[in-house]
Structures are given as structure tokens and as C-alpha cells.
Amino acid sequence: MASLTSQLELTLQPEFRGHPPHDPCWDTPGSCLLQPTGSVGSSGFAQPSFEMCTVEWQLGGCGVLGVGIWLAATQGNFATLSSSFPSLSAANLLIVTGTFVMAIGFVGCIGALKENKCLLLTFFLLLLLVFLLEATIAVLFFAYTDKIDRYAQQDLKKGLHLYGTRGNVGLTNAWSIIQTDFRCCGVSNYTDWFEVYNATRVPDSCCLEFSDSCGLHAPGTWWKAPCYETVKAWLQENLLAVGIFGLCTALVQILGLTFAMTMYCQVVKADTYCA
């Protein structure tokens, strides 16, 4: 009797060769599609942490994009200082950066919610590309600091000739604010403006005490500090804050890469196990 019962059980039992007796892939029909979600989310903090990370990315990108749009709408493309790259304004940089960050965060968030291998891998590759690009730019910047300094000063001096001209409101506003706030005049010297005006004259923003046409007064009434070196010294004084910001950005990117690859590997493993 016992032998007959055993034979009946074996006959009725599905033949899922290669699966353990309590494999949820055949205990509950259709559960292979649901199992990866439970396995990734319940196996640790990878999924919720990654989702939170991508949401923060989107919020950060939205904030940067909003500041860029506001700056473009209200400040006339403020900080367009380069004559060689007129589109390289603070507003445009913020808009492009914010849009790109939001796009990457959206891909990662959807990939985490849907546990889609393609989207997770796309997020990982895009984030890795950004990380490597930032690292390359940082290395090149420190390796060619002197050449960058010389080129930047030459380009800024060319940009002085566009000061006050039609269609260059952003450049004019930028130079006026920089010279007023940093109490400086010209790129390397106040005499840089003499070539612009073909006269012994500077913009009114160079004056120690601002008044109409004060740039026509004697040089003793103007700021003497060069703007390039003054702004560079200010950046060096705040180098710690810049370094902390860079390290935090790199840390967030590394965490994003780690979580994305962890989820991708777990989803691939779950799909392979239930195949």
C-alpha cells in the first residue's frame, strides 16, 4: 500500500528537473516573474537605497535646472565671459547639467522600480561615463594649470572688447559685478581697459567710489588689483569647500554605481535561476 501511494505521488508531482522541492518557481504558478522583486528588495537595503539615491538625483537635477532657467530669464545669460565660447554661460551650464542629471536619475529610478536589466545597465554606464569624464577633466586641469591660466587670461582680454556692445548684456553685467564685488579692475591690470577704449579710461565699476563717468577720472580713483588673480585667490581660499563638494559628488556617484551593479547582478541571477 505504501509503495502504491509513493508511486501515485511521483506520478502527480510536476517534473521540474533541476529545481529544489520547495522552489517558489513551481510552488506558485507564475511566481518566477514576481520572485526577483522580492529577492532584491528583501535581501538588503540595495533597492530602497538605490531608489532613494535616484530620487535625490532627480530632485538635485530639477533644482539645478530651475536655477539655470531663472538665471537665463532674469540675468541676461550672466557670466558669459568667454569670447571664444559665447554659449558657455552660467545659465546654459546649469540648464544642461540639470537636464542631464534629471535624465540619468529618471533612467535609474525606472530601472530600480521595474527591475529592468537594460535600464539598470544603462544607468550604470552613463554614470560611469560621467565619473570617468570628471576624473579626466580634473587630472588634465591639474596637469596643465599653467597653460590653462595663460589661455584663460588671453581669452578674457579678448572678451573685454565686447564690453558694453550690443548683444553682450551678459558679459557686460558679469564684468561689472565681478569688478564691483571683488574690488578689482581688468584681467591682469586696469590698463587692459585702455586698449578697449583707446584712451586712459576704465568702466565705472572699477571706481573706488561709484559715480557716473568716474572711469574718466585719474587712476588713483580706480581699483588696482587684477581680477583674474583676485578671483583665483578667492577660489584657493575656498578650496576646502570646493574639495568637500567634489568628494561628496564622487561619493554619491560611487554609491549609485555600486547599488546599480548590485541590483543588476541580483536581477540577472534571479532571472537565470527561474529560467
Protein backbone atom coordinates (compact mmCIF):
# COMPACT_ATOMS: atom_id res chain seq x y z
CA MET A 1 0.00 0.00 0.00
CA ALA A 2 2.77 2.41 0.95
CA SER A 3 4.60 1.61 -2.27
CA LEU A 4 1.45 2.34 -4.32
CA THR A 5 0.98 5.71 -2.56
CA SER A 6 4.58 6.73 -3.28
CA GLN A 7 4.16 5.86 -6.94
CA LEU A 8 0.93 7.95 -7.13
CA GLU A 9 2.71 10.96 -5.52
CA LEU A 10 5.56 10.73 -8.00
CA THR A 11 3.08 10.49 -10.88
CA LEU A 12 1.09 13.57 -9.76
CA GLN A 13 4.18 15.66 -8.93
CA PRO A 14 5.31 18.03 -11.77
CA GLU A 15 8.59 17.14 -13.36
CA PHE A 16 10.61 20.30 -12.76
CA ARG A 17 14.03 18.77 -13.03
CA GLY A 18 16.84 20.86 -11.55
CA HIS A 19 14.58 22.72 -9.05
CA PRO A 20 14.51 22.07 -5.29
CA PRO A 21 11.34 20.54 -3.78
CA HIS A 22 10.14 23.91 -2.39
CA ASP A 23 11.25 26.12 -5.25
CA PRO A 24 8.75 29.02 -5.46
CA CYS A 25 9.16 28.96 -9.23
CA TRP A 26 6.84 25.94 -9.34
CA ASP A 27 5.16 26.03 -5.91
CA THR A 28 3.22 29.12 -7.04
CA PRO A 29 2.43 29.31 -10.77
CA GLY A 30 3.77 32.49 -12.38
CA SER A 31 5.85 33.42 -9.33
CA CYS A 32 9.06 33.47 -11.37
CA LEU A 33 8.06 36.93 -12.56
CA LEU A 34 7.49 38.13 -9.01
CA GLN A 35 10.37 36.43 -7.27
CA PRO A 36 13.14 38.81 -8.44
CA THR A 37 11.31 41.77 -6.89
CA GLY A 38 11.09 40.07 -3.52
CA SER A 39 14.60 38.71 -3.67
CA VAL A 40 16.25 42.03 -4.49
CA GLY A 41 14.16 44.17 -2.18
CA SER A 42 14.19 41.82 0.82
CA SER A 43 17.78 40.71 0.60
CA GLY A 44 19.08 44.01 1.96
CA PHE A 45 19.00 47.75 1.55
CA ALA A 46 20.13 47.79 -2.11
CA GLN A 47 16.77 48.50 -3.75
CA PRO A 48 15.33 51.14 -1.37
CA SER A 49 18.71 52.85 -1.05
CA PHE A 50 19.18 52.91 -4.80
CA GLU A 51 15.65 54.24 -5.35
CA MET A 52 16.27 56.98 -2.77
CA CYS A 53 19.58 57.81 -4.46
CA THR A 54 17.97 58.16 -7.88
CA VAL A 55 15.14 60.29 -6.48
CA GLU A 56 17.70 62.59 -4.89
CA TRP A 57 19.47 62.77 -8.24
CA GLN A 58 16.26 63.87 -9.93
CA LEU A 59 15.46 66.44 -7.24
CA GLY A 60 19.00 67.81 -7.42
CA GLY A 61 18.87 67.98 -11.20
CA CYS A 62 15.47 69.69 -11.05
CA GLY A 63 16.88 72.29 -8.65
CA VAL A 64 19.93 72.98 -10.83
CA LEU A 65 17.70 73.21 -13.92
CA GLY A 66 15.38 75.65 -12.15
CA VAL A 67 18.26 77.91 -11.10
CA GLY A 68 19.61 77.87 -14.66
CA ILE A 69 16.24 78.81 -16.16
CA TRP A 70 15.78 81.58 -13.59
CA LEU A 71 19.30 82.89 -14.26
CA ALA A 72 18.75 82.89 -18.02
CA ALA A 73 15.38 84.64 -17.71
CA THR A 74 16.38 87.32 -15.21
CA GLN A 75 20.11 87.94 -15.54
CA GLY A 76 20.64 88.07 -19.30
CA ASN A 77 22.90 84.99 -19.54
CA PHE A 78 25.01 86.22 -16.65
CA ALA A 79 28.67 85.21 -16.54
CA THR A 80 29.28 84.90 -20.28
CA LEU A 81 32.92 85.97 -20.02
CA SER A 82 34.49 83.99 -22.84
CA SER A 83 34.67 85.46 -26.34
CA SER A 84 35.65 82.09 -27.82
CA PHE A 85 32.71 80.26 -26.24
CA PRO A 86 29.81 82.75 -26.05
CA SER A 87 27.34 79.99 -25.18
CA LEU A 88 29.44 78.94 -22.18
CA SER A 89 27.38 80.93 -19.68
CA ALA A 90 26.49 80.02 -16.12
CA ALA A 91 22.82 79.75 -17.08
CA ASN A 92 23.46 77.41 -20.02
CA LEU A 93 25.83 75.24 -17.98
CA LEU A 94 23.26 74.88 -15.20
CA ILE A 95 20.45 74.09 -17.66
CA VAL A 96 22.47 71.41 -19.47
CA THR A 97 23.79 69.91 -16.22
CA GLY A 98 20.37 69.86 -14.57
CA THR A 99 18.72 68.25 -17.60
CA PHE A 100 21.41 65.58 -17.87
CA VAL A 101 21.28 64.77 -14.15
CA MET A 102 17.48 64.50 -14.24
CA ALA A 103 17.64 62.20 -17.27
CA ILE A 104 20.16 59.88 -15.61
CA GLY A 105 18.18 59.84 -12.37
CA PHE A 106 14.97 59.05 -14.25
CA VAL A 107 16.57 56.09 -16.04
CA GLY A 108 17.92 54.76 -12.75
CA CYS A 109 14.64 55.24 -10.89
CA ILE A 110 12.56 53.45 -13.53
CA GLY A 111 15.15 50.70 -13.74
CA ALA A 112 15.01 50.21 -9.96
CA LEU A 113 11.20 50.21 -9.78
CA LYS A 114 10.76 47.85 -12.72
CA GLU A 115 13.99 45.94 -12.03
CA ASN A 116 14.77 46.22 -15.72
CA LYS A 117 18.22 44.92 -16.60
CA CYS A 118 18.59 47.16 -19.64
CA LEU A 119 17.74 50.37 -17.75
CA LEU A 120 19.92 49.45 -14.78
CA LEU A 121 22.87 48.74 -17.04
CA THR A 122 22.23 51.97 -18.99
CA PHE A 123 22.20 53.96 -15.74
CA PHE A 124 25.44 52.29 -14.65
CA LEU A 125 27.20 53.01 -17.95
CA LEU A 126 26.02 56.64 -18.11
CA LEU A 127 27.05 57.28 -14.51
CA LEU A 128 30.40 55.58 -15.09
CA LEU A 129 30.95 57.72 -18.19
CA VAL A 130 30.24 60.91 -16.19
CA PHE A 131 32.53 59.79 -13.37
CA LEU A 132 35.41 59.00 -15.75
CA LEU A 133 34.87 62.28 -17.62
CA GLU A 134 35.01 64.27 -14.38
CA ALA A 135 38.15 62.42 -13.28
CA THR A 136 39.81 63.04 -16.66
CA ILE A 137 38.97 66.75 -16.57
CA ALA A 138 40.35 67.04 -13.02
CA VAL A 139 43.61 65.29 -13.96
CA LEU A 140 44.07 67.42 -17.10
CA PHE A 141 43.29 70.60 -15.18
CA PHE A 142 45.99 69.96 -12.58
CA ALA A 143 48.46 68.73 -15.22
CA TYR A 144 48.10 71.79 -17.48
CA THR A 145 47.33 74.52 -14.94
CA ASP A 146 49.88 76.97 -16.36
CA LYS A 147 48.70 76.59 -19.95
CA ILE A 148 45.08 76.93 -18.86
CA ASP A 149 45.94 80.11 -16.95
CA ARG A 150 47.60 81.71 -19.97
CA TYR A 151 44.81 80.74 -22.35
CA ALA A 152 42.10 81.91 -19.95
CA GLN A 153 43.73 85.31 -19.48
CA GLN A 154 44.15 85.80 -23.24
CA ASP A 155 40.54 84.79 -23.89
CA LEU A 156 39.23 87.07 -21.14
CA LYS A 157 41.20 90.01 -22.54
CA LYS A 158 39.62 89.41 -25.94
CA GLY A 159 36.25 89.40 -24.24
CA LEU A 160 36.87 92.86 -22.80
CA HIS A 161 36.44 94.29 -26.30
CA LEU A 162 32.83 93.10 -26.27
CA TYR A 163 32.09 95.01 -23.06
CA GLY A 164 29.18 97.38 -23.47
CA THR A 165 28.49 96.34 -27.07
CA ARG A 166 25.10 95.39 -28.42
CA GLY A 167 24.03 91.82 -27.77
CA ASN A 168 26.56 91.26 -24.97
CA VAL A 169 24.49 92.18 -21.95
CA GLY A 170 25.58 89.06 -20.08
CA LEU A 171 29.29 89.77 -20.49
CA THR A 172 28.83 93.43 -19.53
CA ASN A 173 26.84 92.54 -16.39
CA ALA A 174 29.33 89.85 -15.42
CA TRP A 175 32.35 92.16 -15.61
CA SER A 176 30.53 94.94 -13.76
CA ILE A 177 29.54 92.61 -10.91
CA ILE A 178 32.97 90.97 -10.67
CA GLN A 179 34.85 94.26 -10.58
CA THR A 180 32.47 95.73 -8.03
CA ASP A 181 32.29 92.73 -5.70
CA PHE A 182 35.98 91.75 -5.86
CA ARG A 183 37.23 95.35 -5.95
CA CYS A 184 39.42 94.74 -8.96
CA CYS A 185 39.87 96.14 -12.45
CA GLY A 186 40.79 94.41 -15.72
CA VAL A 187 42.10 90.91 -16.27
CA SER A 188 45.76 91.37 -15.32
CA ASN A 189 45.73 95.15 -14.76
CA TYR A 190 43.46 98.15 -15.08
CA THR A 191 45.46 99.13 -18.16
CA ASP A 192 43.73 96.28 -20.02
CA TRP A 193 40.80 98.66 -20.49
CA PHE A 194 42.97 101.28 -22.21
CA GLU A 195 43.18 99.04 -25.30
CA VAL A 196 39.39 98.63 -25.28
CA TYR A 197 38.59 102.33 -25.13
CA ASN A 198 41.78 103.53 -26.91
CA ALA A 199 42.05 106.03 -24.10
CA THR A 200 43.01 106.31 -20.43
CA ARG A 201 39.64 105.12 -19.27
CA VAL A 202 38.03 102.22 -17.39
CA PRO A 203 34.40 101.17 -16.73
CA ASP A 204 32.66 102.90 -13.86
CA SER A 205 32.60 99.57 -11.98
CA CYS A 206 36.37 99.97 -11.47
CA CYS A 207 35.97 103.12 -9.37
CA LEU A 208 36.66 103.17 -5.63
CA GLU A 209 33.54 105.31 -5.23
CA PHE A 210 30.97 104.73 -7.94
CA SER A 211 29.58 107.71 -9.82
CA ASP A 212 28.62 108.45 -13.40
CA SER A 213 31.65 108.72 -15.70
CA CYS A 214 34.02 108.10 -12.78
CA GLY A 215 36.03 105.85 -15.11
CA LEU A 216 37.32 109.02 -16.80
CA HIS A 217 38.95 110.27 -13.61
CA ALA A 218 42.56 109.82 -12.52
CA PRO A 219 43.92 106.28 -11.99
CA GLY A 220 44.18 107.00 -8.26
CA THR A 221 40.38 106.63 -8.04
CA TRP A 222 40.32 103.12 -9.52
CA TRP A 223 40.83 99.65 -8.12
CA LYS A 224 44.36 98.40 -8.85
CA ALA A 225 44.02 94.65 -8.15
CA PRO A 226 43.85 92.34 -11.21
CA CYS A 227 40.53 90.49 -11.38
CA TYR A 228 41.98 87.20 -12.61
CA GLU A 229 44.40 86.82 -9.71
CA THR A 230 41.86 88.14 -7.21
CA VAL A 231 39.18 85.63 -8.21
CA LYS A 232 41.80 82.86 -8.36
CA ALA A 233 42.95 83.71 -4.82
CA TRP A 234 39.32 83.67 -3.64
CA LEU A 235 38.84 80.21 -5.13
CA GLN A 236 42.02 78.98 -3.45
CA GLU A 237 40.78 80.33 -0.10
CA ASN A 238 37.58 78.34 -0.59
CA LEU A 239 39.38 75.29 -1.94
CA LEU A 240 38.34 73.23 1.08
CA ALA A 241 34.65 73.81 0.37
CA VAL A 242 35.21 73.03 -3.31
CA GLY A 243 37.09 69.85 -2.37
CA ILE A 244 34.36 68.72 0.04
CA PHE A 245 31.72 69.32 -2.63
CA GLY A 246 33.76 67.32 -5.16
CA LEU A 247 34.28 64.43 -2.73
CA CYS A 248 30.57 64.34 -1.84
CA THR A 249 29.67 64.31 -5.53
CA ALA A 250 32.12 61.48 -6.19
CA LEU A 251 30.79 59.53 -3.19
CA VAL A 252 27.19 59.82 -4.41
CA GLN A 253 28.26 58.64 -7.86
CA ILE A 254 30.20 55.67 -6.44
CA LEU A 255 27.21 54.68 -4.31
CA GLY A 256 24.98 54.94 -7.36
CA LEU A 257 27.34 52.73 -9.36
CA THR A 258 27.53 50.19 -6.53
CA PHE A 259 23.77 49.97 -6.00
CA ALA A 260 23.06 49.82 -9.74
CA MET A 261 25.50 46.98 -10.33
CA THR A 262 24.28 45.15 -7.21
CA MET A 263 20.66 45.28 -8.38
CA TYR A 264 21.65 44.35 -11.93
CA CYS A 265 23.56 41.27 -10.76
CA GLN A 266 20.72 40.17 -8.47
CA VAL A 267 18.10 40.57 -11.20
CA VAL A 268 20.27 38.62 -13.66
CA LYS A 269 20.83 35.92 -11.05
CA ALA A 270 17.10 35.68 -10.29
CA ASP A 271 16.18 35.54 -13.98
CA THR A 272 18.78 32.82 -14.60
CA TYR A 273 17.60 30.81 -11.57
CA CYS A 274 13.95 30.92 -12.63
CA ALA A 275 14.65 30.32 -16.34
